[in-house]
N, C-alpha and C. Protein backbone atom coordinates (compact mmCIF):
# COMPACT_ATOMS: atom_id res chain seq x y z
N MET A 1 99.61 90.32 19.50
CA MET A 1 100.23 89.35 20.37
C MET A 1 99.82 89.59 21.82
N ASN A 2 99.83 90.81 22.23
CA ASN A 2 99.47 91.16 23.58
C ASN A 2 97.99 90.87 23.86
N GLY A 3 97.14 91.05 22.89
CA GLY A 3 95.71 90.79 23.05
C GLY A 3 95.41 89.31 23.23
N SER A 4 96.15 88.43 22.56
CA SER A 4 95.90 87.00 22.70
C SER A 4 96.33 86.49 24.07
N ILE A 5 97.34 87.07 24.66
CA ILE A 5 97.78 86.66 26.00
C ILE A 5 96.72 87.06 27.02
N LEU A 6 96.14 88.25 26.86
CA LEU A 6 95.09 88.69 27.77
C LEU A 6 93.87 87.79 27.66
N LEU A 7 93.54 87.37 26.44
CA LEU A 7 92.40 86.51 26.23
C LEU A 7 92.59 85.16 26.92
N LEU A 8 93.78 84.57 26.86
CA LEU A 8 94.06 83.29 27.49
C LEU A 8 94.02 83.39 29.01
N THR A 9 94.57 84.44 29.57
CA THR A 9 94.60 84.56 31.02
C THR A 9 93.24 84.91 31.59
N SER A 10 92.45 85.64 30.88
CA SER A 10 91.14 86.00 31.42
C SER A 10 90.18 84.82 31.41
N SER A 11 90.29 83.90 30.46
CA SER A 11 89.38 82.75 30.42
C SER A 11 89.81 81.67 31.41
N ALA A 12 91.06 81.63 31.84
CA ALA A 12 91.54 80.59 32.74
C ALA A 12 91.05 80.80 34.17
N GLY A 13 90.62 81.95 34.53
CA GLY A 13 90.21 82.22 35.90
C GLY A 13 88.72 82.20 36.11
N SER A 14 87.93 81.65 35.23
CA SER A 14 86.48 81.66 35.38
C SER A 14 86.06 80.67 36.47
N SER A 15 84.90 80.92 37.07
CA SER A 15 84.43 80.06 38.15
C SER A 15 83.97 78.69 37.63
N GLY A 16 83.59 78.61 36.38
CA GLY A 16 83.20 77.32 35.80
C GLY A 16 84.36 76.36 35.75
N ASP A 17 85.55 76.86 35.45
CA ASP A 17 86.75 76.01 35.42
C ASP A 17 87.09 75.52 36.82
N GLN A 18 86.94 76.38 37.80
CA GLN A 18 87.25 75.99 39.18
C GLN A 18 86.27 74.92 39.67
N THR A 19 85.02 75.06 39.30
CA THR A 19 84.02 74.06 39.68
C THR A 19 84.34 72.72 39.03
N MET A 20 84.74 72.77 37.77
CA MET A 20 85.07 71.54 37.06
C MET A 20 86.29 70.86 37.69
N ILE A 21 87.27 71.62 38.13
CA ILE A 21 88.45 71.06 38.78
C ILE A 21 88.06 70.40 40.10
N LEU A 22 87.19 71.05 40.87
CA LEU A 22 86.72 70.45 42.12
C LEU A 22 85.96 69.16 41.88
N ILE A 23 85.14 69.12 40.84
CA ILE A 23 84.40 67.91 40.50
C ILE A 23 85.36 66.79 40.10
N LEU A 24 86.39 67.11 39.33
CA LEU A 24 87.37 66.11 38.92
C LEU A 24 88.13 65.55 40.12
N TRP A 25 88.53 66.43 41.05
CA TRP A 25 89.23 65.97 42.25
C TRP A 25 88.31 65.09 43.09
N GLY A 26 87.04 65.44 43.16
CA GLY A 26 86.08 64.61 43.88
C GLY A 26 85.95 63.23 43.25
N LEU A 27 85.90 63.18 41.93
CA LEU A 27 85.82 61.90 41.23
C LEU A 27 87.07 61.06 41.45
N ILE A 28 88.23 61.71 41.45
CA ILE A 28 89.48 60.99 41.70
C ILE A 28 89.45 60.38 43.10
N PHE A 29 88.97 61.14 44.09
CA PHE A 29 88.89 60.60 45.46
C PHE A 29 87.92 59.43 45.53
N VAL A 30 86.77 59.53 44.89
CA VAL A 30 85.78 58.45 44.91
C VAL A 30 86.36 57.19 44.26
N VAL A 31 87.02 57.33 43.14
CA VAL A 31 87.63 56.18 42.46
C VAL A 31 88.72 55.57 43.35
N ALA A 32 89.55 56.41 43.95
CA ALA A 32 90.61 55.90 44.83
C ALA A 32 90.01 55.17 46.02
N TYR A 33 88.92 55.66 46.57
CA TYR A 33 88.29 55.01 47.71
C TYR A 33 87.77 53.63 47.33
N PHE A 34 87.04 53.53 46.22
CA PHE A 34 86.43 52.25 45.85
C PHE A 34 87.42 51.24 45.29
N PHE A 35 88.50 51.69 44.68
CA PHE A 35 89.44 50.75 44.08
C PHE A 35 90.70 50.51 44.91
N LEU A 36 91.01 51.38 45.87
CA LEU A 36 92.23 51.21 46.66
C LEU A 36 91.96 51.09 48.15
N ILE A 37 91.30 52.04 48.74
CA ILE A 37 91.15 52.10 50.20
C ILE A 37 90.19 51.04 50.71
N ARG A 38 89.02 50.95 50.13
CA ARG A 38 87.99 50.02 50.61
C ARG A 38 88.43 48.55 50.50
N PRO A 39 88.97 48.09 49.36
CA PRO A 39 89.41 46.68 49.29
C PRO A 39 90.55 46.37 50.26
N GLN A 40 91.45 47.33 50.46
CA GLN A 40 92.56 47.10 51.39
C GLN A 40 92.05 46.98 52.82
N ALA A 41 91.07 47.79 53.19
CA ALA A 41 90.49 47.72 54.53
C ALA A 41 89.77 46.38 54.73
N LYS A 42 89.07 45.90 53.70
CA LYS A 42 88.37 44.62 53.77
C LYS A 42 89.37 43.48 53.92
N LYS A 43 90.46 43.53 53.19
CA LYS A 43 91.49 42.51 53.27
C LYS A 43 92.10 42.48 54.67
N ALA A 44 92.36 43.64 55.26
CA ALA A 44 92.92 43.71 56.61
C ALA A 44 91.93 43.16 57.63
N ARG A 45 90.64 43.46 57.46
CA ARG A 45 89.61 42.95 58.35
C ARG A 45 89.53 41.42 58.26
N ASP A 46 89.59 40.88 57.03
CA ASP A 46 89.55 39.43 56.84
C ASP A 46 90.77 38.75 57.47
N GLN A 47 91.95 39.34 57.31
CA GLN A 47 93.17 38.79 57.89
C GLN A 47 93.08 38.77 59.41
N ARG A 48 92.54 39.85 59.99
CA ARG A 48 92.40 39.94 61.44
C ARG A 48 91.43 38.87 61.96
N SER A 49 90.31 38.68 61.26
CA SER A 49 89.35 37.65 61.70
C SER A 49 89.95 36.25 61.53
N PHE A 50 90.75 36.03 60.49
CA PHE A 50 91.43 34.76 60.29
C PHE A 50 92.41 34.50 61.43
N SER A 51 93.18 35.51 61.80
CA SER A 51 94.15 35.37 62.89
C SER A 51 93.46 35.05 64.21
N ASP A 52 92.31 35.67 64.43
CA ASP A 52 91.57 35.41 65.67
C ASP A 52 90.96 34.02 65.70
N ALA A 53 90.70 33.43 64.53
CA ALA A 53 90.05 32.12 64.45
C ALA A 53 91.03 30.95 64.42
N ILE A 54 92.32 31.22 64.51
CA ILE A 54 93.31 30.14 64.49
C ILE A 54 93.12 29.26 65.73
N GLU A 55 93.10 27.95 65.50
CA GLU A 55 92.89 26.99 66.58
C GLU A 55 94.02 25.96 66.60
N LYS A 56 94.13 25.29 67.72
CA LYS A 56 95.10 24.22 67.87
C LYS A 56 94.75 23.09 66.89
N GLY A 57 95.75 22.56 66.20
CA GLY A 57 95.55 21.46 65.26
C GLY A 57 95.43 21.89 63.81
N LYS A 58 95.27 23.18 63.54
CA LYS A 58 95.14 23.66 62.16
C LYS A 58 96.49 23.71 61.45
N GLN A 59 96.47 23.40 60.17
CA GLN A 59 97.66 23.56 59.33
C GLN A 59 97.70 25.01 58.86
N VAL A 60 98.85 25.66 58.98
CA VAL A 60 98.98 27.07 58.59
C VAL A 60 100.27 27.29 57.81
N VAL A 61 100.33 28.44 57.15
CA VAL A 61 101.53 28.87 56.44
C VAL A 61 101.86 30.27 56.93
N THR A 62 103.12 30.51 57.27
CA THR A 62 103.53 31.83 57.73
C THR A 62 103.76 32.75 56.53
N THR A 63 103.92 34.04 56.82
CA THR A 63 104.20 35.00 55.74
C THR A 63 105.55 34.72 55.10
N GLY A 64 106.42 34.02 55.80
CA GLY A 64 107.72 33.65 55.25
C GLY A 64 107.68 32.35 54.47
N GLY A 65 106.52 31.68 54.44
CA GLY A 65 106.36 30.47 53.65
C GLY A 65 106.60 29.18 54.42
N ILE A 66 106.69 29.25 55.74
CA ILE A 66 106.92 28.06 56.55
C ILE A 66 105.57 27.38 56.84
N HIS A 67 105.49 26.09 56.56
CA HIS A 67 104.28 25.31 56.80
C HIS A 67 104.40 24.64 58.16
N GLY A 68 103.29 24.58 58.89
CA GLY A 68 103.32 23.92 60.19
C GLY A 68 101.93 23.68 60.72
N LYS A 69 101.88 22.99 61.86
CA LYS A 69 100.62 22.67 62.52
C LYS A 69 100.60 23.38 63.87
N VAL A 70 99.52 24.08 64.16
CA VAL A 70 99.41 24.84 65.41
C VAL A 70 99.31 23.85 66.57
N THR A 71 100.22 24.01 67.55
CA THR A 71 100.21 23.12 68.72
C THR A 71 99.82 23.85 70.00
N LYS A 72 100.02 25.15 70.04
CA LYS A 72 99.76 25.89 71.27
C LYS A 72 99.46 27.35 70.93
N ILE A 73 98.50 27.93 71.66
CA ILE A 73 98.15 29.34 71.47
C ILE A 73 98.15 30.01 72.83
N GLU A 74 98.95 31.05 72.98
CA GLU A 74 99.02 31.83 74.22
C GLU A 74 98.87 33.30 73.84
N ASP A 75 97.74 33.88 74.13
CA ASP A 75 97.46 35.28 73.80
C ASP A 75 97.76 35.57 72.34
N ASN A 76 98.86 36.26 72.07
CA ASN A 76 99.19 36.67 70.71
C ASN A 76 100.32 35.81 70.11
N VAL A 77 100.77 34.79 70.86
CA VAL A 77 101.87 33.94 70.40
C VAL A 77 101.32 32.57 70.03
N VAL A 78 101.68 32.11 68.85
CA VAL A 78 101.24 30.80 68.34
C VAL A 78 102.49 29.94 68.18
N THR A 79 102.43 28.71 68.69
CA THR A 79 103.53 27.77 68.52
C THR A 79 103.12 26.76 67.46
N ILE A 80 103.99 26.59 66.46
CA ILE A 80 103.68 25.62 65.39
C ILE A 80 104.75 24.54 65.34
N LEU A 81 104.32 23.35 64.97
CA LEU A 81 105.21 22.22 64.77
C LEU A 81 105.56 22.18 63.30
N VAL A 82 106.86 22.33 62.97
CA VAL A 82 107.27 22.35 61.57
C VAL A 82 107.94 21.06 61.13
N ASP A 83 108.45 20.29 62.10
CA ASP A 83 109.08 19.00 61.83
C ASP A 83 109.04 18.22 63.13
N THR A 84 109.47 17.00 63.12
CA THR A 84 109.47 16.20 64.33
C THR A 84 110.27 16.91 65.42
N LYS A 85 109.60 17.24 66.52
CA LYS A 85 110.20 17.92 67.67
C LYS A 85 110.83 19.27 67.34
N THR A 86 110.36 19.93 66.28
CA THR A 86 110.85 21.26 65.92
C THR A 86 109.67 22.22 65.97
N TYR A 87 109.73 23.13 66.92
CA TYR A 87 108.64 24.08 67.16
C TYR A 87 109.13 25.50 66.90
N LEU A 88 108.23 26.33 66.41
CA LEU A 88 108.50 27.75 66.23
C LEU A 88 107.43 28.55 66.94
N LYS A 89 107.85 29.63 67.62
CA LYS A 89 106.90 30.54 68.23
C LYS A 89 106.77 31.75 67.32
N LEU A 90 105.53 32.11 67.00
CA LEU A 90 105.26 33.21 66.08
C LEU A 90 104.18 34.11 66.65
N GLU A 91 104.16 35.33 66.19
CA GLU A 91 103.04 36.22 66.46
C GLU A 91 101.88 35.79 65.57
N ARG A 92 100.66 36.01 66.03
CA ARG A 92 99.49 35.65 65.21
C ARG A 92 99.52 36.32 63.84
N GLY A 93 100.00 37.54 63.79
CA GLY A 93 100.03 38.30 62.55
C GLY A 93 101.00 37.73 61.51
N ALA A 94 101.88 36.83 61.94
CA ALA A 94 102.85 36.24 61.01
C ALA A 94 102.27 35.08 60.22
N ILE A 95 101.03 34.72 60.52
CA ILE A 95 100.38 33.63 59.78
C ILE A 95 99.54 34.23 58.67
N SER A 96 99.81 33.81 57.45
CA SER A 96 99.18 34.39 56.27
C SER A 96 97.89 33.68 55.90
N MET A 97 96.80 34.43 55.83
CA MET A 97 95.51 33.88 55.44
C MET A 97 95.56 33.42 53.98
N GLU A 98 96.10 34.26 53.11
CA GLU A 98 96.11 33.93 51.67
C GLU A 98 96.95 32.69 51.38
N MET A 99 98.13 32.62 51.98
CA MET A 99 99.01 31.48 51.72
C MET A 99 98.46 30.19 52.34
N THR A 100 97.82 30.31 53.50
CA THR A 100 97.23 29.13 54.14
C THR A 100 96.07 28.60 53.31
N LYS A 101 95.21 29.50 52.83
CA LYS A 101 94.08 29.05 52.01
C LYS A 101 94.56 28.47 50.68
N ALA A 102 95.62 29.04 50.11
CA ALA A 102 96.15 28.50 48.85
C ALA A 102 96.74 27.11 49.05
N ALA A 103 97.39 26.89 50.19
CA ALA A 103 98.05 25.60 50.44
C ALA A 103 97.06 24.53 50.92
N TYR A 104 96.12 24.92 51.76
CA TYR A 104 95.25 23.94 52.40
C TYR A 104 93.78 24.09 52.06
N GLY A 105 93.44 25.04 51.24
CA GLY A 105 92.07 25.22 50.80
C GLY A 105 91.21 25.90 51.83
N GLU A 106 89.91 25.84 51.62
CA GLU A 106 88.93 26.54 52.46
C GLU A 106 88.80 25.92 53.86
N GLU A 107 89.24 24.67 54.06
CA GLU A 107 89.12 24.08 55.40
C GLU A 107 90.04 24.79 56.39
N ALA A 108 91.00 25.56 55.91
CA ALA A 108 91.88 26.30 56.79
C ALA A 108 91.21 27.57 57.30
N LYS A 109 90.03 27.85 56.85
CA LYS A 109 89.30 29.07 57.20
C LYS A 109 89.04 29.20 58.66
């Protein structure tokens, strides 16, 4: 019984096992980068460029689901017309690229 315990503990500390663990951790990081980090960064970049390209007269949808037409742009504040004589002031970041494209198609680009 004592001999089998020694055999198990002595084989667990070999340098080949440590190298294999490092390789596996490296693979996990590479997979996480390509499937999680990189697409999220691209999505954020696309949203930022969409926010910068917002112009007066465009139909947009906010992250809260409010539809409106851009009437005024002042620095980082966008004013949208949501109904007759009803205006909302929003931050540029509150306008959703995905929801706007889904509602109004590619012309909202």
